[in-house]
Amino acid sequence: METIRVGIIGVGGIAQRSHLPAFKNTPGVDVVAIADINEKKLDFVAGKFDVPRKFVDYKELLAQDDIDAVSICTPNGLHREMSVNALNAGKHVLCEKPVAVTGKDAEAIIAAARASGKVFMGAFCLRFTGASRVLKQFAQDGKLGDIYYVKGGYIRRRGIPGLGGWFTTKSLSGGGCMLDIGVHALDRMYWLMGAPEPVSVSGVTYQAFADNAVDGGWPPLATRIGDVYAGINDVEDMASGYVQFANGATLLLEACWAGNCEPSSYMQLFGTKAGALEDARGLQLFGEEAGSLLDIKPQVDENINIYEAEIAHFVDCIREGKEPLTTPQEIINVAKIIEAVYKSAEQNGRQVKIAEL
């Protein structure tokens, strides 16, 4: 395969800011078509990024025989349908996070991928940061030992995305901050700890800013051409989950779009040989050497364009027939954990068994 021809389904903020520029900057790739139900935005994006073909119906894009791969950048609730249809149409698929709203949706996508023989990859860009690469290598080399406890999250002070649009409309998004930014933190922590089998989850959700929420500015205003906001806001703005794994490890996850709190993005890993902390100060490792406590601050590449790295990996998997960094079981388990957080929250924090889903 020489040039890989790509179609983008959904041309909102993530497509305009990340997927389209990254594909355009990847050698041997040609973005030949885009699809979106918003015709005004479709016309704008086609002109801005010089894309020759545009479709209001994404199924017409999938019917194009010369398209090799698609990137799905639509509301969460559409990911299962569009991913399965794209795989059945013989396309390789990169699907934005969250890959699926439920575990069963994730399983259906993975089944379609296996049946098609095509590459399916979840777009979890935080696996490609410099810190993630360093930590994964440390973990794989056994320098952290057994990772038995992990905590982390993304906390915004005032940052509800697209207030009144699909992000805050449960019928389209499936949920709020936990599915939007919490999934980023969960996927990276779960991957770094070696993806153990999840057994049970307890969770809580809150909507403390239903009456005084403000738009957090995402998607960027310049990318919202033709969007209509219905004013719906029926999802959580803060959530937390506690996960127990079959190997005895545990994980604590926080996600917040809006709160009276200090904004932060953090992750801490506790291992039997060493631990790690990543926050606003960067990446730090904590261990012991020659009977003395030892703190290490690794040199981390801060200049990685994580979206370009993610898409270069997707393209490489297509060219080389390699398995993506996001494995099928990791995708399924991440979806099940978040589904269980919501189910637990609906039942006043009752522990939910993954096997019950």
Protein backbone atom coordinates (compact mmCIF):
# COMPACT_ATOMS: atom_id res chain seq x y z
CA MET A 1 0.00 0.00 0.00
CA GLU A 2 1.52 3.31 -1.02
CA THR A 3 -0.69 6.30 -0.18
CA ILE A 4 -3.21 5.63 2.58
CA ARG A 5 -6.44 7.46 1.78
CA VAL A 6 -8.38 8.63 4.80
CA GLY A 7 -11.90 9.85 5.50
CA ILE A 8 -12.88 11.81 8.61
CA ILE A 9 -16.35 11.27 10.07
CA GLY A 10 -17.37 14.23 12.23
CA VAL A 11 -15.52 17.51 11.69
CA GLY A 12 -15.93 19.28 15.03
CA GLY A 13 -13.27 20.55 17.39
CA ILE A 14 -11.17 17.39 17.78
CA ALA A 15 -11.14 16.77 14.03
CA GLN A 16 -10.19 20.36 13.16
CA ARG A 17 -7.63 20.84 15.92
CA SER A 18 -6.06 17.38 15.96
CA HIS A 19 -7.02 14.68 13.46
CA LEU A 20 -7.07 16.69 10.23
CA PRO A 21 -3.77 18.53 10.86
CA ALA A 22 -2.08 15.34 12.09
CA PHE A 23 -3.15 13.26 9.10
CA LYS A 24 -2.13 16.11 6.79
CA ASN A 25 1.34 16.14 8.38
CA THR A 26 1.82 12.36 8.16
CA PRO A 27 3.86 11.25 5.11
CA GLY A 28 2.11 8.91 2.70
CA VAL A 29 -1.39 9.87 3.83
CA ASP A 30 -4.05 11.72 1.88
CA VAL A 31 -7.29 12.98 3.47
CA VAL A 32 -9.74 12.53 0.60
CA ALA A 33 -13.17 12.90 2.23
CA ILE A 34 -15.04 14.22 5.25
CA ALA A 35 -18.57 13.66 6.55
CA ASP A 36 -20.77 15.63 8.92
CA ILE A 37 -24.49 16.32 9.28
CA ASN A 38 -23.70 20.04 9.69
CA GLU A 39 -23.48 21.21 6.07
CA LYS A 40 -22.25 24.69 6.96
CA LYS A 41 -19.36 23.27 8.95
CA LEU A 42 -18.73 20.63 6.30
CA ASP A 43 -18.26 23.30 3.63
CA PHE A 44 -15.99 25.36 5.88
CA VAL A 45 -13.74 22.45 6.83
CA ALA A 46 -13.52 21.12 3.27
CA GLY A 47 -12.29 24.53 2.14
CA LYS A 48 -9.93 25.13 5.07
CA PHE A 49 -8.22 21.75 4.81
CA ASP A 50 -8.53 21.31 1.04
CA VAL A 51 -10.53 18.10 1.20
CA PRO A 52 -12.00 17.20 -2.21
CA ARG A 53 -15.07 15.18 -1.19
CA LYS A 54 -17.70 15.86 1.46
CA PHE A 55 -20.77 13.93 2.56
CA VAL A 56 -23.70 14.71 4.84
CA ASP A 57 -24.38 10.98 5.20
CA TYR A 58 -21.33 9.17 6.57
CA LYS A 59 -22.48 5.92 4.96
CA GLU A 60 -21.85 7.49 1.56
CA LEU A 61 -18.26 8.12 2.65
CA LEU A 62 -17.95 4.48 3.71
CA ALA A 63 -19.21 3.41 0.28
CA GLN A 64 -16.19 5.01 -1.41
CA ASP A 65 -14.00 2.13 -2.59
CA ASP A 66 -10.79 4.17 -2.60
CA ILE A 67 -10.91 5.08 1.09
CA ASP A 68 -8.63 2.83 3.16
CA ALA A 69 -9.19 4.17 6.67
CA VAL A 70 -11.51 6.43 8.64
CA SER A 71 -11.20 8.52 11.75
CA ILE A 72 -14.38 8.71 13.84
CA CYS A 73 -14.71 12.04 15.66
CA THR A 74 -18.44 12.10 16.41
CA PRO A 75 -20.46 12.17 19.65
CA ASN A 76 -19.77 9.18 21.92
CA GLY A 77 -23.17 7.59 21.46
CA LEU A 78 -22.52 7.11 17.73
CA HIS A 79 -19.17 5.34 18.05
CA ARG A 80 -20.48 1.78 18.10
CA GLU A 81 -22.70 2.15 15.04
CA MET A 82 -20.14 4.03 13.00
CA SER A 83 -17.17 1.86 13.98
CA VAL A 84 -19.00 -1.37 13.19
CA ASN A 85 -20.29 -0.04 9.88
CA ALA A 86 -16.84 1.23 8.90
CA LEU A 87 -15.19 -2.10 9.75
CA ASN A 88 -17.89 -3.99 7.86
CA ALA A 89 -17.21 -1.71 4.89
CA GLY A 90 -13.57 -2.83 4.93
CA LYS A 91 -12.03 0.30 6.44
CA HIS A 92 -9.34 0.54 9.09
CA VAL A 93 -10.70 2.60 11.99
CA LEU A 94 -9.29 5.12 14.46
CA CYS A 95 -12.05 5.98 16.94
CA GLU A 96 -11.87 8.93 19.31
CA LYS A 97 -12.20 8.33 23.02
CA PRO A 98 -14.29 7.08 24.66
CA VAL A 99 -14.39 4.18 22.22
CA ALA A 100 -17.73 3.07 23.62
CA VAL A 101 -20.31 4.08 26.20
CA THR A 102 -20.80 0.53 27.50
CA GLY A 103 -18.83 -2.67 27.66
CA LYS A 104 -21.23 -4.42 25.30
CA ASP A 105 -20.76 -1.65 22.73
CA ALA A 106 -16.99 -2.08 23.01
CA GLU A 107 -17.31 -5.85 22.61
CA ALA A 108 -19.44 -5.39 19.48
CA ILE A 109 -16.81 -3.12 17.95
CA ILE A 110 -13.97 -5.52 18.76
CA ALA A 111 -15.96 -8.44 17.32
CA ALA A 112 -16.48 -6.49 14.08
CA ALA A 113 -12.77 -5.64 13.96
CA ARG A 114 -11.76 -9.28 14.36
CA ALA A 115 -14.24 -10.40 11.70
CA SER A 116 -13.05 -7.74 9.25
CA GLY A 117 -9.33 -8.28 9.74
CA LYS A 118 -8.88 -4.52 9.73
CA VAL A 119 -6.97 -2.36 12.20
CA PHE A 120 -9.08 -0.86 14.96
CA MET A 121 -7.46 1.61 17.34
CA GLY A 122 -8.81 3.67 20.20
CA ALA A 123 -7.59 7.28 20.14
CA PHE A 124 -6.03 7.56 23.60
CA CYS A 125 -3.49 10.27 22.90
CA LEU A 126 -2.06 10.42 26.44
CA ARG A 127 -0.28 7.12 25.88
CA PHE A 128 2.03 9.04 23.54
CA THR A 129 3.28 11.74 25.92
CA GLY A 130 6.96 11.79 26.83
CA ALA A 131 6.15 10.97 30.46
CA SER A 132 3.95 8.03 29.45
CA ARG A 133 6.72 6.58 27.32
CA VAL A 134 9.28 6.87 30.11
CA LEU A 135 6.94 5.37 32.71
CA LYS A 136 5.87 2.50 30.47
CA GLN A 137 9.49 1.58 29.84
CA PHE A 138 10.25 1.69 33.57
CA ALA A 139 7.24 -0.55 34.24
CA GLN A 140 8.11 -3.01 31.47
CA ASP A 141 11.70 -3.22 32.71
CA GLY A 142 10.42 -4.15 36.17
CA LYS A 143 11.88 -1.06 37.83
CA LEU A 144 8.59 -0.16 39.51
CA GLY A 145 7.95 -3.69 40.70
CA ASP A 146 4.31 -4.67 41.16
CA ILE A 147 2.05 -1.65 40.85
CA TYR A 148 -0.56 -2.13 43.55
CA TYR A 149 -2.23 1.28 43.90
CA VAL A 150 -2.81 4.07 41.39
CA LYS A 151 -4.69 7.34 41.69
CA GLY A 152 -5.20 10.20 39.30
CA GLY A 153 -7.57 12.51 37.56
CA TYR A 154 -8.36 15.67 35.66
CA ILE A 155 -9.86 18.51 37.64
CA ARG A 156 -11.14 21.70 36.04
CA ARG A 157 -12.43 24.69 37.96
CA ARG A 158 -14.75 25.97 35.22
CA GLY A 159 -14.54 23.89 32.08
CA ILE A 160 -17.81 22.34 30.91
CA PRO A 161 -17.38 21.73 27.16
CA GLY A 162 -19.94 22.92 24.63
CA LEU A 163 -22.55 23.73 27.26
CA GLY A 164 -25.95 22.90 25.79
CA GLY A 165 -24.43 20.91 22.92
CA TRP A 166 -23.81 17.19 22.54
CA PHE A 167 -21.21 17.05 25.33
CA THR A 168 -23.88 17.89 27.92
CA THR A 169 -26.70 15.92 26.29
CA LYS A 170 -26.72 12.40 27.72
CA SER A 171 -28.60 10.87 24.79
CA LEU A 172 -25.64 11.79 22.58
CA SER A 173 -22.68 11.71 24.94
CA GLY A 174 -23.64 8.87 27.27
CA GLY A 175 -22.34 10.85 30.23
CA GLY A 176 -20.39 13.89 31.32
CA CYS A 177 -16.90 14.48 32.66
CA MET A 178 -16.17 10.83 33.40
CA LEU A 179 -16.63 9.82 29.77
CA ASP A 180 -14.98 12.98 28.46
CA ILE A 181 -11.80 13.53 30.48
CA GLY A 182 -11.97 10.80 33.12
CA VAL A 183 -11.50 8.18 30.40
CA HIS A 184 -8.15 9.76 29.50
CA ALA A 185 -6.85 9.39 33.05
CA LEU A 186 -8.29 5.90 33.45
CA ASP A 187 -6.90 4.54 30.19
CA ARG A 188 -3.38 5.75 30.86
CA MET A 189 -3.26 4.54 34.48
CA TYR A 190 -4.79 1.18 33.56
CA TRP A 191 -2.29 0.71 30.73
CA LEU A 192 0.71 1.68 32.87
CA MET A 193 -0.26 -0.72 35.66
CA GLY A 194 -0.31 -3.60 33.17
CA ALA A 195 -4.06 -3.83 32.51
CA PRO A 196 -5.07 -6.28 35.29
CA GLU A 197 -8.53 -7.83 35.28
CA PRO A 198 -11.09 -5.46 36.87
CA VAL A 199 -13.40 -7.12 39.38
CA SER A 200 -15.55 -4.43 41.02
CA VAL A 201 -16.20 -0.69 40.95
CA SER A 202 -17.76 1.85 43.29
CA GLY A 203 -18.61 5.28 41.96
CA VAL A 204 -20.30 8.60 42.64
CA THR A 205 -21.40 11.41 40.34
CA TYR A 206 -22.49 14.99 41.02
CA GLN A 207 -24.10 17.79 39.06
CA ALA A 208 -23.34 20.76 41.29
CA PHE A 209 -23.33 23.33 38.47
CA ALA A 210 -26.58 22.55 36.71
CA ASP A 211 -27.99 26.01 37.40
CA ASN A 212 -24.89 28.18 37.11
CA ALA A 213 -22.68 26.38 34.60
CA VAL A 214 -20.65 28.32 32.08
CA ASP A 215 -19.24 27.16 28.74
CA GLY A 216 -15.63 26.08 29.12
CA GLY A 217 -14.57 27.04 25.60
CA TRP A 218 -14.25 23.57 24.10
CA PRO A 219 -14.76 22.90 21.26
CA PRO A 220 -12.96 26.12 20.25
CA LEU A 221 -15.43 28.76 19.19
CA ALA A 222 -13.88 28.94 15.72
CA THR A 223 -14.77 25.27 15.13
CA ARG A 224 -18.46 25.58 16.06
CA ILE A 225 -19.67 26.86 12.69
CA GLY A 226 -23.32 25.98 12.15
CA ASP A 227 -23.68 24.24 15.52
CA VAL A 228 -27.05 24.52 17.25
CA TYR A 229 -27.09 24.39 21.05
CA ALA A 230 -30.35 23.16 22.54
CA GLY A 231 -29.46 24.15 26.09
CA ILE A 232 -29.60 20.63 27.48
CA ASN A 233 -27.38 19.85 30.47
CA ASP A 234 -28.32 16.48 31.95
CA VAL A 235 -24.90 14.97 32.71
CA GLU A 236 -22.55 15.02 35.69
CA ASP A 237 -19.91 17.70 36.16
CA MET A 238 -17.91 15.73 38.76
CA ALA A 239 -17.37 12.00 39.25
CA SER A 240 -15.14 9.59 41.13
CA GLY A 241 -14.57 5.85 40.88
CA TYR A 242 -12.76 3.22 42.95
CA VAL A 243 -11.70 0.06 41.08
CA GLN A 244 -10.56 -3.28 42.51
CA PHE A 245 -8.62 -5.76 40.37
CA ALA A 246 -8.21 -9.53 40.47
CA ASN A 247 -4.51 -9.22 41.38
CA GLY A 248 -5.33 -7.16 44.49
CA ALA A 249 -4.40 -3.80 42.96
CA THR A 250 -6.72 -0.80 43.28
CA LEU A 251 -7.26 2.44 41.38
CA LEU A 252 -8.85 5.76 42.37
CA LEU A 253 -10.12 8.01 39.57
CA GLU A 254 -11.41 11.60 39.66
CA ALA A 255 -12.92 13.69 36.89
CA CYS A 256 -14.30 17.20 37.17
CA TRP A 257 -15.49 19.74 34.62
CA ALA A 258 -16.44 22.36 37.18
CA GLY A 259 -15.86 22.71 40.91
CA ASN A 260 -14.77 25.07 43.65
CA CYS A 261 -11.31 23.57 43.65
CA GLU A 262 -7.76 23.96 42.45
CA PRO A 263 -7.46 22.81 38.80
CA SER A 264 -5.07 19.91 38.38
CA SER A 265 -4.00 17.00 36.24
CA TYR A 266 -2.21 14.32 38.21
CA MET A 267 -1.28 10.65 38.36
CA GLN A 268 0.49 8.72 41.12
CA LEU A 269 1.63 5.10 40.94
CA PHE A 270 2.68 3.02 43.96
CA GLY A 271 4.99 0.13 43.11
CA THR A 272 6.83 -2.37 45.30
CA LYS A 273 10.22 -1.21 43.94
CA ALA A 274 9.49 2.43 43.06
CA GLY A 275 6.67 4.87 42.63
CA ALA A 276 5.92 7.76 40.30
CA LEU A 277 4.11 11.07 40.36
CA GLU A 278 3.18 13.26 37.43
CA ASP A 279 1.58 16.64 38.05
CA ALA A 280 2.21 20.30 37.19
CA ARG A 281 5.82 19.90 38.34
CA GLY A 282 6.48 17.19 35.78
CA LEU A 283 7.42 13.53 36.27
CA GLN A 284 9.16 12.30 39.43
CA LEU A 285 10.17 8.81 40.52
CA PHE A 286 10.57 7.71 44.13
CA GLY A 287 12.61 4.69 45.16
CA GLU A 288 15.39 3.39 47.36
CA GLU A 289 19.04 2.69 46.55
CA ALA A 290 21.84 1.44 48.80
CA GLY A 291 19.68 1.91 51.86
CA SER A 292 18.81 5.51 51.04
CA LEU A 293 15.62 7.03 49.66
CA LEU A 294 16.14 8.19 46.11
CA ASP A 295 14.17 10.77 44.14
CA ILE A 296 14.65 10.88 40.36
CA LYS A 297 13.44 13.46 37.86
CA PRO A 298 13.73 11.85 34.41
CA GLN A 299 14.37 13.93 31.33
CA VAL A 300 11.13 13.81 29.37
CA ASP A 301 10.50 14.93 25.80
CA GLU A 302 8.01 17.77 26.23
CA ASN A 303 7.86 18.59 22.50
CA ILE A 304 5.96 15.54 21.27
CA ASN A 305 2.85 16.34 19.26
CA ILE A 306 0.80 13.57 20.81
CA TYR A 307 -1.87 13.63 18.09
CA GLU A 308 0.70 13.31 15.33
CA ALA A 309 2.39 10.50 17.28
CA GLU A 310 -0.93 8.74 17.77
CA ILE A 311 -1.88 8.98 14.10
CA ALA A 312 1.61 8.00 12.92
CA HIS A 313 1.24 4.84 15.06
CA PHE A 314 -2.19 4.12 13.52
CA VAL A 315 -0.80 4.52 10.01
CA ASP A 316 2.20 2.35 10.87
CA CYS A 317 -0.12 -0.39 12.14
CA ILE A 318 -1.97 -0.32 8.81
CA ARG A 319 1.25 -0.44 6.78
CA GLU A 320 3.03 -3.07 8.86
CA GLY A 321 0.04 -5.15 9.95
CA LYS A 322 0.90 -4.49 13.60
CA GLU A 323 -1.38 -4.60 16.62
CA PRO A 324 -2.20 -1.10 17.92
CA LEU A 325 -0.99 0.10 21.30
CA THR A 326 -4.62 0.00 22.49
CA THR A 327 -5.40 -3.70 22.79
CA PRO A 328 -8.93 -5.11 22.42
CA GLN A 329 -9.18 -6.20 26.06
CA GLU A 330 -7.94 -2.84 27.33
CA ILE A 331 -10.57 -1.06 25.25
CA ILE A 332 -13.33 -3.35 26.56
CA ASN A 333 -12.23 -3.13 30.20
CA VAL A 334 -11.92 0.66 30.19
CA ALA A 335 -15.47 0.89 28.83
CA LYS A 336 -16.73 -1.56 31.47
CA ILE A 337 -15.06 0.29 34.33
CA ILE A 338 -16.67 3.60 33.37
CA GLU A 339 -20.03 1.93 32.80
CA ALA A 340 -19.72 0.45 36.30
CA VAL A 341 -18.91 3.88 37.80
CA TYR A 342 -22.21 5.18 36.44
CA LYS A 343 -24.17 2.11 37.53
CA SER A 344 -22.73 2.34 41.04
CA ALA A 345 -23.55 6.04 41.23
CA GLU A 346 -27.15 5.32 40.21
CA GLN A 347 -27.35 2.91 43.16
CA ASN A 348 -25.93 5.32 45.77
CA GLY A 349 -22.40 4.02 45.49
CA ARG A 350 -23.18 0.31 45.75
CA GLN A 351 -20.26 -1.81 44.60
CA VAL A 352 -20.86 -3.12 41.06
CA LYS A 353 -19.27 -6.35 39.90
CA ILE A 354 -17.80 -6.18 36.39
CA ALA A 355 -19.22 -9.66 35.77
CA GLU A 356 -22.74 -8.19 36.29
CA LEU A 357 -22.46 -5.89 33.27
